[in-house]
Amino acid sequence: MKKLTILAALCAAFSALAAEATPQAAVDQFLKFELEGGRLHAESGFEQVHLVDAWKADAPRCEGARCKVTVTFTYTPTAGLDLEQAVPHPKGGTAQAEYVVQQQGGQWQVETGKDTPHVSRVAMEKMLKEGL
């Protein structure tokens, strides 16, 4: 928990990173940011994360300047892991999350909520190894 609190205090807000020319590009950029632990740096208050081994984003479904993209995450099995920051997924499994993308000022941006971040297992291992 302490490590995640420290991570949350490190960087500025994410919104400028998510502005892209297409809804798909905005989601792709956001997922890259989130899976590398970016939300832990930019936002505060997260005590746990979903550890992810793989992900796949579906094509955007748009109505005007608002789109939804469903992302399927494959969770890292957490049985046997000594990592209190990981949301328990003992056998791994999959789950879907829906991301909302809106056009603002000619750019597409992902709306971020306070949902539990998804972080790749590799990125989390790297962060913990580096002591962040």
C-alpha atoms as a PDB file:
ATOM      1  CA  MET A   1       0.000   0.000   0.000  1.00  0.00           C
ATOM      2  CA  LYS A   2       2.818   2.380   0.858  1.00  0.00           C
ATOM      3  CA  LYS A   3       4.448   1.806  -2.529  1.00  0.00           C
ATOM      4  CA  LEU A   4       1.230   2.584  -4.381  1.00  0.00           C
ATOM      5  CA  THR A   5       0.767   5.761  -2.342  1.00  0.00           C
ATOM      6  CA  ILE A   6       4.269   6.866  -3.274  1.00  0.00           C
ATOM      7  CA  LEU A   7       3.617   6.050  -6.926  1.00  0.00           C
ATOM      8  CA  ALA A   8       0.454   8.123  -6.881  1.00  0.00           C
ATOM      9  CA  ALA A   9       2.347  11.203  -5.779  1.00  0.00           C
ATOM     10  CA  LEU A  10       4.982  11.110  -8.520  1.00  0.00           C
ATOM     11  CA  CYS A  11       3.484  12.492 -11.752  1.00  0.00           C
ATOM     12  CA  ALA A  12       0.984  14.965 -13.195  1.00  0.00           C
ATOM     13  CA  ALA A  13      -2.511  14.201 -14.495  1.00  0.00           C
ATOM     14  CA  PHE A  14      -3.036  11.881 -17.459  1.00  0.00           C
ATOM     15  CA  SER A  15      -5.634  13.698 -19.587  1.00  0.00           C
ATOM     16  CA  ALA A  16      -3.182  15.306 -22.015  1.00  0.00           C
ATOM     17  CA  LEU A  17      -1.636  11.917 -22.786  1.00  0.00           C
ATOM     18  CA  ALA A  18      -4.946  10.459 -23.922  1.00  0.00           C
ATOM     19  CA  ALA A  19      -5.824  13.089 -26.559  1.00  0.00           C
ATOM     20  CA  GLU A  20      -5.642  11.406 -29.970  1.00  0.00           C
ATOM     21  CA  ALA A  21      -7.008  11.797 -33.489  1.00  0.00           C
ATOM     22  CA  THR A  22      -9.222   8.666 -33.420  1.00  0.00           C
ATOM     23  CA  PRO A  23     -11.156   6.824 -30.710  1.00  0.00           C
ATOM     24  CA  GLN A  24      -9.085   3.660 -31.250  1.00  0.00           C
ATOM     25  CA  ALA A  25      -5.805   5.591 -30.976  1.00  0.00           C
ATOM     26  CA  ALA A  26      -7.003   7.200 -27.733  1.00  0.00           C
ATOM     27  CA  VAL A  27      -7.855   3.810 -26.211  1.00  0.00           C
ATOM     28  CA  ASP A  28      -4.593   2.260 -27.422  1.00  0.00           C
ATOM     29  CA  GLN A  29      -2.588   5.124 -25.917  1.00  0.00           C
ATOM     30  CA  PHE A  30      -4.538   4.976 -22.660  1.00  0.00           C
ATOM     31  CA  LEU A  31      -4.063   1.207 -22.344  1.00  0.00           C
ATOM     32  CA  LYS A  32      -0.332   1.576 -22.930  1.00  0.00           C
ATOM     33  CA  PHE A  33      -0.237   4.235 -20.193  1.00  0.00           C
ATOM     34  CA  GLU A  34      -2.411   2.285 -17.753  1.00  0.00           C
ATOM     35  CA  LEU A  35      -0.747  -1.084 -18.276  1.00  0.00           C
ATOM     36  CA  GLU A  36       2.674   0.464 -17.658  1.00  0.00           C
ATOM     37  CA  GLY A  37       1.410   1.757 -14.287  1.00  0.00           C
ATOM     38  CA  GLY A  38       0.786   5.327 -15.410  1.00  0.00           C
ATOM     39  CA  ARG A  39      -2.443   5.746 -13.457  1.00  0.00           C
ATOM     40  CA  LEU A  40      -0.576   4.849 -10.286  1.00  0.00           C
ATOM     41  CA  HIS A  41       1.711   7.790 -10.969  1.00  0.00           C
ATOM     42  CA  ALA A  42      -0.975  10.264 -12.046  1.00  0.00           C
ATOM     43  CA  GLU A  43      -3.860   9.523  -9.689  1.00  0.00           C
ATOM     44  CA  SER A  44      -4.023   8.884  -5.984  1.00  0.00           C
ATOM     45  CA  GLY A  45      -5.941   6.583  -3.743  1.00  0.00           C
ATOM     46  CA  PHE A  46      -5.307   3.172  -5.298  1.00  0.00           C
ATOM     47  CA  GLU A  47      -4.432   0.427  -2.864  1.00  0.00           C
ATOM     48  CA  GLN A  48      -4.587  -2.481  -5.312  1.00  0.00           C
ATOM     49  CA  VAL A  49      -4.327  -3.190  -9.017  1.00  0.00           C
ATOM     50  CA  HIS A  50      -5.471  -5.948 -11.342  1.00  0.00           C
ATOM     51  CA  LEU A  51      -2.354  -7.746 -12.614  1.00  0.00           C
ATOM     52  CA  VAL A  52      -2.716  -8.430 -16.336  1.00  0.00           C
ATOM     53  CA  ASP A  53      -0.941 -10.879 -18.645  1.00  0.00           C
ATOM     54  CA  ALA A  54      -2.802  -9.974 -21.863  1.00  0.00           C
ATOM     55  CA  TRP A  55      -5.533  -7.687 -23.224  1.00  0.00           C
ATOM     56  CA  LYS A  56      -7.531  -7.109 -26.386  1.00  0.00           C
ATOM     57  CA  ALA A  57      -9.553  -4.030 -27.303  1.00  0.00           C
ATOM     58  CA  ASP A  58     -12.631  -4.419 -29.507  1.00  0.00           C
ATOM     59  CA  ALA A  59     -13.474  -1.888 -32.209  1.00  0.00           C
ATOM     60  CA  PRO A  60     -15.077   1.340 -30.957  1.00  0.00           C
ATOM     61  CA  ARG A  61     -18.879   1.618 -31.005  1.00  0.00           C
ATOM     62  CA  CYS A  62     -19.658   5.270 -31.614  1.00  0.00           C
ATOM     63  CA  GLU A  63     -22.656   7.548 -31.443  1.00  0.00           C
ATOM     64  CA  GLY A  64     -21.578  10.997 -32.505  1.00  0.00           C
ATOM     65  CA  ALA A  65     -18.763  12.336 -30.358  1.00  0.00           C
ATOM     66  CA  ARG A  66     -18.975   9.494 -27.818  1.00  0.00           C
ATOM     67  CA  CYS A  67     -17.630   5.973 -28.238  1.00  0.00           C
ATOM     68  CA  LYS A  68     -17.394   2.862 -26.106  1.00  0.00           C
ATOM     69  CA  VAL A  69     -14.648   0.283 -26.360  1.00  0.00           C
ATOM     70  CA  THR A  70     -14.767  -3.081 -24.626  1.00  0.00           C
ATOM     71  CA  VAL A  71     -11.406  -4.406 -23.485  1.00  0.00           C
ATOM     72  CA  THR A  72     -10.917  -8.031 -22.452  1.00  0.00           C
ATOM     73  CA  PHE A  73      -8.202  -8.540 -19.851  1.00  0.00           C
ATOM     74  CA  THR A  74      -6.513 -11.831 -19.005  1.00  0.00           C
ATOM     75  CA  TYR A  75      -5.527 -11.692 -15.347  1.00  0.00           C
ATOM     76  CA  THR A  76      -2.322 -13.028 -13.869  1.00  0.00           C
ATOM     77  CA  PRO A  77      -2.993 -15.963 -11.542  1.00  0.00           C
ATOM     78  CA  THR A  78      -2.301 -14.606  -8.060  1.00  0.00           C
ATOM     79  CA  ALA A  79      -2.284 -17.917  -6.143  1.00  0.00           C
ATOM     80  CA  GLY A  80       1.139 -18.185  -4.575  1.00  0.00           C
ATOM     81  CA  LEU A  81       2.078 -14.552  -5.190  1.00  0.00           C
ATOM     82  CA  ASP A  82       3.151 -12.584  -2.155  1.00  0.00           C
ATOM     83  CA  LEU A  83       1.887  -9.250  -3.446  1.00  0.00           C
ATOM     84  CA  GLU A  84      -0.674  -7.414  -1.338  1.00  0.00           C
ATOM     85  CA  GLN A  85      -1.083  -4.769  -4.069  1.00  0.00           C
ATOM     86  CA  ALA A  86      -2.706  -7.328  -6.412  1.00  0.00           C
ATOM     87  CA  VAL A  87      -6.458  -7.842  -6.492  1.00  0.00           C
ATOM     88  CA  PRO A  88      -6.868 -11.592  -5.886  1.00  0.00           C
ATOM     89  CA  HIS A  89      -7.385 -13.616  -9.048  1.00  0.00           C
ATOM     90  CA  PRO A  90      -6.145 -16.987  -7.712  1.00  0.00           C
ATOM     91  CA  LYS A  91      -6.613 -18.845 -11.009  1.00  0.00           C
ATOM     92  CA  GLY A  92      -6.284 -15.861 -13.334  1.00  0.00           C
ATOM     93  CA  GLY A  93      -9.274 -15.683 -15.622  1.00  0.00           C
ATOM     94  CA  THR A  94     -10.638 -12.966 -17.855  1.00  0.00           C
ATOM     95  CA  ALA A  95     -12.884  -9.967 -17.460  1.00  0.00           C
ATOM     96  CA  GLN A  96     -14.153  -7.165 -19.637  1.00  0.00           C
ATOM     97  CA  ALA A  97     -14.048  -3.441 -18.957  1.00  0.00           C
ATOM     98  CA  GLU A  98     -15.780  -0.751 -20.966  1.00  0.00           C
ATOM     99  CA  TYR A  99     -13.922   2.455 -21.752  1.00  0.00           C
ATOM    100  CA  VAL A 100     -15.729   5.627 -22.820  1.00  0.00           C
ATOM    101  CA  VAL A 101     -14.007   7.902 -25.337  1.00  0.00           C
ATOM    102  CA  GLN A 102     -15.279  11.421 -26.062  1.00  0.00           C
ATOM    103  CA  GLN A 103     -14.319  13.950 -28.668  1.00  0.00           C
ATOM    104  CA  GLN A 104     -13.290  17.281 -27.196  1.00  0.00           C
ATOM    105  CA  GLY A 105     -11.792  20.097 -29.219  1.00  0.00           C
ATOM    106  CA  GLY A 106     -11.166  17.843 -32.212  1.00  0.00           C
ATOM    107  CA  GLN A 107      -9.310  15.254 -30.135  1.00  0.00           C
ATOM    108  CA  TRP A 108     -10.505  11.984 -28.638  1.00  0.00           C
ATOM    109  CA  GLN A 109      -9.961  11.393 -24.924  1.00  0.00           C
ATOM    110  CA  VAL A 110     -10.626   8.436 -22.655  1.00  0.00           C
ATOM    111  CA  GLU A 111     -12.734   9.237 -19.617  1.00  0.00           C
ATOM    112  CA  THR A 112     -10.980   7.907 -16.551  1.00  0.00           C
ATOM    113  CA  GLY A 113     -12.814   6.873 -13.458  1.00  0.00           C
ATOM    114  CA  LYS A 114     -11.811   5.701 -10.054  1.00  0.00           C
ATOM    115  CA  ASP A 115     -11.972   2.035 -11.034  1.00  0.00           C
ATOM    116  CA  THR A 116      -9.102  -0.224 -10.035  1.00  0.00           C
ATOM    117  CA  PRO A 117      -6.231   0.166 -12.525  1.00  0.00           C
ATOM    118  CA  HIS A 118      -5.045  -2.650 -14.757  1.00  0.00           C
ATOM    119  CA  VAL A 119      -1.254  -3.032 -14.708  1.00  0.00           C
ATOM    120  CA  SER A 120       0.795  -5.562 -16.616  1.00  0.00           C
ATOM    121  CA  ARG A 121       2.538  -8.109 -14.434  1.00  0.00           C
ATOM    122  CA  VAL A 122       5.857  -7.220 -16.084  1.00  0.00           C
ATOM    123  CA  ALA A 123       5.426  -3.496 -15.356  1.00  0.00           C
ATOM    124  CA  MET A 124       4.489  -4.164 -11.720  1.00  0.00           C
ATOM    125  CA  GLU A 125       7.505  -6.422 -11.225  1.00  0.00           C
ATOM    126  CA  LYS A 126       9.720  -3.710 -12.688  1.00  0.00           C
ATOM    127  CA  MET A 127       8.216  -1.002 -10.448  1.00  0.00           C
ATOM    128  CA  LEU A 128       8.656  -3.137  -7.333  1.00  0.00           C
ATOM    129  CA  LYS A 129      12.209  -4.052  -8.301  1.00  0.00           C
ATOM    130  CA  GLU A 130      13.092  -0.377  -8.795  1.00  0.00           C
ATOM    131  CA  GLY A 131      11.542   0.449  -5.442  1.00  0.00           C
ATOM    132  CA  LEU A 132       8.823   2.755  -6.732  1.00  0.00           C
END
